[in-house]
Amino acid sequence: MAQSKRSGGGKPAKGGGKSARGGAKGSGRDELPGGRSQRQLRVGEELRHILSDVLRNGHFRDPDLVDLVVTVTEVRVSPDLKAATAFVMPLGGSDAPKIIAGLNRATSYIRMEAVKQIDLRVAPQFSFKLDHSFDEAARVTRLLQQPAVKADLDKPSDEE
């Protein structure tokens, strides 16, 4: 059995053909079904906690953000961790467009405060969007409560 000549004195490459992140090169094994990596999810969750803290304790000069009460429902981070989109829901949903605009105006202050609490090589640029997931969940619930849909769901299946 002939062996191919390897560079480096016949020793296998460090890591055994794996990328620096630990997965096989180009396999995308570190990505989850949603298309985001475990690292993106972990950093996003940490940023969600930090942003909640910053927004709760922030001393904003913007009149739209005075006495701000919002819930940060999710933070999606780009693969290079340089951009983060925070999905927020104002308490009661009142003046949501005004609050989102105010948060997007205050991103430099929010970023400066967040950097104090997270250890990343590059602090992400934040953008804020209104979270519509609760509205969508309520819409689906209303659809499922309709009499025609309920009757269809209650029918016994022929496949059983």
C-alpha atoms as a PDB file:
ATOM      1  CA  MET A   1       0.000   0.000   0.000  1.00  0.00           C
ATOM      2  CA  ALA A   2       1.585   3.237  -1.124  1.00  0.00           C
ATOM      3  CA  GLN A   3       1.470   6.274   1.132  1.00  0.00           C
ATOM      4  CA  SER A   4       1.355   9.777  -0.218  1.00  0.00           C
ATOM      5  CA  LYS A   5       4.126  12.078   0.861  1.00  0.00           C
ATOM      6  CA  ARG A   6       2.968  14.584   3.469  1.00  0.00           C
ATOM      7  CA  SER A   7       4.533  17.921   4.151  1.00  0.00           C
ATOM      8  CA  GLY A   8       5.850  18.560   7.641  1.00  0.00           C
ATOM      9  CA  GLY A   9       7.942  15.431   8.073  1.00  0.00           C
ATOM     10  CA  GLY A  10       5.177  12.890   7.575  1.00  0.00           C
ATOM     11  CA  LYS A  11       3.032  14.111  10.482  1.00  0.00           C
ATOM     12  CA  PRO A  12      -0.638  14.815   9.925  1.00  0.00           C
ATOM     13  CA  ALA A  13      -1.696  18.442   9.990  1.00  0.00           C
ATOM     14  CA  LYS A  14      -2.550  19.811  13.402  1.00  0.00           C
ATOM     15  CA  GLY A  15      -6.249  19.351  14.079  1.00  0.00           C
ATOM     16  CA  GLY A  16      -6.562  16.389  11.725  1.00  0.00           C
ATOM     17  CA  GLY A  17      -8.150  18.289   8.833  1.00  0.00           C
ATOM     18  CA  LYS A  18     -10.514  20.295  10.966  1.00  0.00           C
ATOM     19  CA  SER A  19     -11.036  24.006  10.855  1.00  0.00           C
ATOM     20  CA  ALA A  20      -9.930  26.280  13.679  1.00  0.00           C
ATOM     21  CA  ARG A  21     -13.542  26.292  14.960  1.00  0.00           C
ATOM     22  CA  GLY A  22     -13.474  22.562  15.539  1.00  0.00           C
ATOM     23  CA  GLY A  23     -15.780  21.363  12.769  1.00  0.00           C
ATOM     24  CA  ALA A  24     -14.741  19.696   9.550  1.00  0.00           C
ATOM     25  CA  LYS A  25     -13.687  22.198   6.926  1.00  0.00           C
ATOM     26  CA  GLY A  26     -16.593  23.500   4.890  1.00  0.00           C
ATOM     27  CA  SER A  27     -19.082  21.094   6.414  1.00  0.00           C
ATOM     28  CA  GLY A  28     -21.141  23.724   8.214  1.00  0.00           C
ATOM     29  CA  ARG A  29     -21.596  21.269  11.075  1.00  0.00           C
ATOM     30  CA  ASP A  30     -21.606  24.068  13.609  1.00  0.00           C
ATOM     31  CA  GLU A  31     -24.789  25.530  12.107  1.00  0.00           C
ATOM     32  CA  LEU A  32     -28.143  24.702  13.592  1.00  0.00           C
ATOM     33  CA  PRO A  33     -31.332  24.110  11.576  1.00  0.00           C
ATOM     34  CA  GLY A  34     -32.262  27.820  11.768  1.00  0.00           C
ATOM     35  CA  GLY A  35     -29.111  28.671   9.820  1.00  0.00           C
ATOM     36  CA  ARG A  36     -27.380  30.268  12.790  1.00  0.00           C
ATOM     37  CA  SER A  37     -24.378  28.826  14.567  1.00  0.00           C
ATOM     38  CA  GLN A  38     -24.241  27.951  18.229  1.00  0.00           C
ATOM     39  CA  ARG A  39     -21.878  30.902  18.745  1.00  0.00           C
ATOM     40  CA  GLN A  40     -24.341  33.329  17.120  1.00  0.00           C
ATOM     41  CA  LEU A  41     -27.124  32.043  19.358  1.00  0.00           C
ATOM     42  CA  ARG A  42     -24.963  32.255  22.479  1.00  0.00           C
ATOM     43  CA  VAL A  43     -23.731  35.799  21.724  1.00  0.00           C
ATOM     44  CA  GLY A  44     -27.261  36.868  20.753  1.00  0.00           C
ATOM     45  CA  GLU A  45     -28.660  35.636  24.049  1.00  0.00           C
ATOM     46  CA  GLU A  46     -25.904  37.379  26.012  1.00  0.00           C
ATOM     47  CA  LEU A  47     -26.539  40.602  24.084  1.00  0.00           C
ATOM     48  CA  ARG A  48     -30.272  40.267  24.788  1.00  0.00           C
ATOM     49  CA  HIS A  49     -29.582  40.267  28.529  1.00  0.00           C
ATOM     50  CA  ILE A  50     -27.134  43.166  28.245  1.00  0.00           C
ATOM     51  CA  LEU A  51     -29.495  45.252  26.101  1.00  0.00           C
ATOM     52  CA  SER A  52     -32.344  44.621  28.545  1.00  0.00           C
ATOM     53  CA  ASP A  53     -30.123  45.903  31.332  1.00  0.00           C
ATOM     54  CA  VAL A  54     -28.918  48.928  29.335  1.00  0.00           C
ATOM     55  CA  LEU A  55     -32.449  49.869  28.268  1.00  0.00           C
ATOM     56  CA  ARG A  56     -33.801  49.444  31.793  1.00  0.00           C
ATOM     57  CA  ASN A  57     -31.042  51.518  33.425  1.00  0.00           C
ATOM     58  CA  GLY A  58     -30.240  53.853  30.534  1.00  0.00           C
ATOM     59  CA  HIS A  59     -30.311  57.584  31.021  1.00  0.00           C
ATOM     60  CA  PHE A  60     -31.600  58.679  27.650  1.00  0.00           C
ATOM     61  CA  ARG A  61     -31.815  62.326  26.637  1.00  0.00           C
ATOM     62  CA  ASP A  62     -34.170  61.571  23.767  1.00  0.00           C
ATOM     63  CA  PRO A  63     -37.731  62.539  24.798  1.00  0.00           C
ATOM     64  CA  ASP A  64     -39.090  59.457  22.990  1.00  0.00           C
ATOM     65  CA  LEU A  65     -37.036  57.213  25.284  1.00  0.00           C
ATOM     66  CA  VAL A  66     -37.677  58.854  28.663  1.00  0.00           C
ATOM     67  CA  ASP A  67     -39.296  56.341  31.038  1.00  0.00           C
ATOM     68  CA  LEU A  68     -38.802  53.646  28.413  1.00  0.00           C
ATOM     69  CA  VAL A  69     -40.230  50.210  29.218  1.00  0.00           C
ATOM     70  CA  VAL A  70     -39.498  47.630  26.533  1.00  0.00           C
ATOM     71  CA  THR A  71     -38.905  43.914  26.351  1.00  0.00           C
ATOM     72  CA  VAL A  72     -35.990  42.689  24.260  1.00  0.00           C
ATOM     73  CA  THR A  73     -37.412  39.462  22.860  1.00  0.00           C
ATOM     74  CA  GLU A  74     -34.531  38.361  20.625  1.00  0.00           C
ATOM     75  CA  VAL A  75     -31.166  39.513  19.301  1.00  0.00           C
ATOM     76  CA  ARG A  76     -29.976  38.101  15.980  1.00  0.00           C
ATOM     77  CA  VAL A  77     -26.258  38.396  15.359  1.00  0.00           C
ATOM     78  CA  SER A  78     -24.545  38.292  11.961  1.00  0.00           C
ATOM     79  CA  PRO A  79     -22.078  35.431  11.339  1.00  0.00           C
ATOM     80  CA  ASP A  80     -19.101  37.786  11.802  1.00  0.00           C
ATOM     81  CA  LEU A  81     -20.671  39.174  15.026  1.00  0.00           C
ATOM     82  CA  LYS A  82     -20.300  42.742  13.719  1.00  0.00           C
ATOM     83  CA  ALA A  83     -24.024  43.468  13.420  1.00  0.00           C
ATOM     84  CA  ALA A  84     -26.894  42.694  15.765  1.00  0.00           C
ATOM     85  CA  THR A  85     -30.604  43.211  15.243  1.00  0.00           C
ATOM     86  CA  ALA A  86     -32.582  43.522  18.458  1.00  0.00           C
ATOM     87  CA  PHE A  87     -36.293  42.758  18.330  1.00  0.00           C
ATOM     88  CA  VAL A  88     -38.129  44.749  20.971  1.00  0.00           C
ATOM     89  CA  MET A  89     -41.695  45.085  22.180  1.00  0.00           C
ATOM     90  CA  PRO A  90     -42.740  48.275  23.991  1.00  0.00           C
ATOM     91  CA  LEU A  91     -44.954  47.761  27.020  1.00  0.00           C
ATOM     92  CA  GLY A  92     -48.537  48.035  25.835  1.00  0.00           C
ATOM     93  CA  GLY A  93     -47.380  48.475  22.244  1.00  0.00           C
ATOM     94  CA  SER A  94     -47.979  52.215  22.501  1.00  0.00           C
ATOM     95  CA  ASP A  95     -45.981  54.572  20.275  1.00  0.00           C
ATOM     96  CA  ALA A  96     -43.956  51.640  18.949  1.00  0.00           C
ATOM     97  CA  PRO A  97     -42.701  53.361  15.753  1.00  0.00           C
ATOM     98  CA  LYS A  98     -41.596  56.389  17.784  1.00  0.00           C
ATOM     99  CA  ILE A  99     -39.735  54.196  20.279  1.00  0.00           C
ATOM    100  CA  ILE A 100     -38.024  52.139  17.546  1.00  0.00           C
ATOM    101  CA  ALA A 101     -36.900  55.350  15.833  1.00  0.00           C
ATOM    102  CA  GLY A 102     -35.597  56.679  19.163  1.00  0.00           C
ATOM    103  CA  LEU A 103     -33.676  53.475  19.867  1.00  0.00           C
ATOM    104  CA  ASN A 104     -32.109  53.561  16.411  1.00  0.00           C
ATOM    105  CA  ARG A 105     -31.043  57.183  17.049  1.00  0.00           C
ATOM    106  CA  ALA A 106     -29.464  56.146  20.372  1.00  0.00           C
ATOM    107  CA  THR A 107     -27.477  53.178  19.019  1.00  0.00           C
ATOM    108  CA  SER A 108     -24.080  54.795  19.650  1.00  0.00           C
ATOM    109  CA  TYR A 109     -24.913  55.347  23.342  1.00  0.00           C
ATOM    110  CA  ILE A 110     -26.414  51.855  23.656  1.00  0.00           C
ATOM    111  CA  ARG A 111     -23.372  50.319  21.955  1.00  0.00           C
ATOM    112  CA  MET A 112     -21.001  52.195  24.288  1.00  0.00           C
ATOM    113  CA  GLU A 113     -22.895  50.945  27.347  1.00  0.00           C
ATOM    114  CA  ALA A 114     -23.117  47.365  26.022  1.00  0.00           C
ATOM    115  CA  VAL A 115     -19.370  47.223  25.273  1.00  0.00           C
ATOM    116  CA  LYS A 116     -18.678  47.697  28.980  1.00  0.00           C
ATOM    117  CA  GLN A 117     -20.453  44.421  29.719  1.00  0.00           C
ATOM    118  CA  ILE A 118     -19.400  42.057  26.919  1.00  0.00           C
ATOM    119  CA  ASP A 119     -16.034  40.685  25.884  1.00  0.00           C
ATOM    120  CA  LEU A 120     -16.017  40.644  22.083  1.00  0.00           C
ATOM    121  CA  ARG A 121     -13.202  41.604  19.742  1.00  0.00           C
ATOM    122  CA  VAL A 122     -15.506  43.954  17.829  1.00  0.00           C
ATOM    123  CA  ALA A 123     -18.567  45.564  19.374  1.00  0.00           C
ATOM    124  CA  PRO A 124     -21.582  44.918  17.145  1.00  0.00           C
ATOM    125  CA  GLN A 125     -23.542  47.681  15.447  1.00  0.00           C
ATOM    126  CA  PHE A 126     -27.087  47.537  16.782  1.00  0.00           C
ATOM    127  CA  SER A 127     -30.322  48.066  14.935  1.00  0.00           C
ATOM    128  CA  PHE A 128     -33.747  47.834  16.517  1.00  0.00           C
ATOM    129  CA  LYS A 129     -36.923  46.414  15.038  1.00  0.00           C
ATOM    130  CA  LEU A 130     -40.407  45.913  16.363  1.00  0.00           C
ATOM    131  CA  ASP A 131     -41.125  42.284  17.249  1.00  0.00           C
ATOM    132  CA  HIS A 132     -44.247  41.074  15.470  1.00  0.00           C
ATOM    133  CA  SER A 133     -44.015  37.457  16.682  1.00  0.00           C
ATOM    134  CA  PHE A 134     -46.623  37.939  19.429  1.00  0.00           C
ATOM    135  CA  ASP A 135     -49.073  39.439  16.936  1.00  0.00           C
ATOM    136  CA  GLU A 136     -48.428  36.536  14.577  1.00  0.00           C
ATOM    137  CA  ALA A 137     -48.954  33.983  17.367  1.00  0.00           C
ATOM    138  CA  ALA A 138     -52.249  35.653  18.309  1.00  0.00           C
ATOM    139  CA  ARG A 139     -53.342  35.580  14.652  1.00  0.00           C
ATOM    140  CA  VAL A 140     -52.618  31.835  14.394  1.00  0.00           C
ATOM    141  CA  THR A 141     -54.477  31.208  17.656  1.00  0.00           C
ATOM    142  CA  ARG A 142     -57.511  33.106  16.334  1.00  0.00           C
ATOM    143  CA  LEU A 143     -57.390  31.042  13.130  1.00  0.00           C
ATOM    144  CA  LEU A 144     -57.292  27.795  15.090  1.00  0.00           C
ATOM    145  CA  GLN A 145     -60.302  28.899  17.161  1.00  0.00           C
ATOM    146  CA  GLN A 146     -62.532  29.394  14.102  1.00  0.00           C
ATOM    147  CA  PRO A 147     -65.403  26.867  13.995  1.00  0.00           C
ATOM    148  CA  ALA A 148     -64.515  25.549  10.521  1.00  0.00           C
ATOM    149  CA  VAL A 149     -60.912  24.911  11.509  1.00  0.00           C
ATOM    150  CA  LYS A 150     -61.903  23.354  14.847  1.00  0.00           C
ATOM    151  CA  ALA A 151     -64.298  20.977  13.082  1.00  0.00           C
ATOM    152  CA  ASP A 152     -61.599  20.016  10.617  1.00  0.00           C
ATOM    153  CA  LEU A 153     -59.099  19.382  13.404  1.00  0.00           C
ATOM    154  CA  ASP A 154     -61.595  17.273  15.369  1.00  0.00           C
ATOM    155  CA  LYS A 155     -62.295  14.911  12.444  1.00  0.00           C
ATOM    156  CA  PRO A 156     -60.765  11.458  12.917  1.00  0.00           C
ATOM    157  CA  SER A 157     -57.991  10.760  10.485  1.00  0.00           C
ATOM    158  CA  ASP A 158     -58.377   7.858   8.008  1.00  0.00           C
ATOM    159  CA  GLU A 159     -54.684   7.016   8.368  1.00  0.00           C
ATOM    160  CA  GLU A 160     -54.942   5.927  12.008  1.00  0.00           C
END
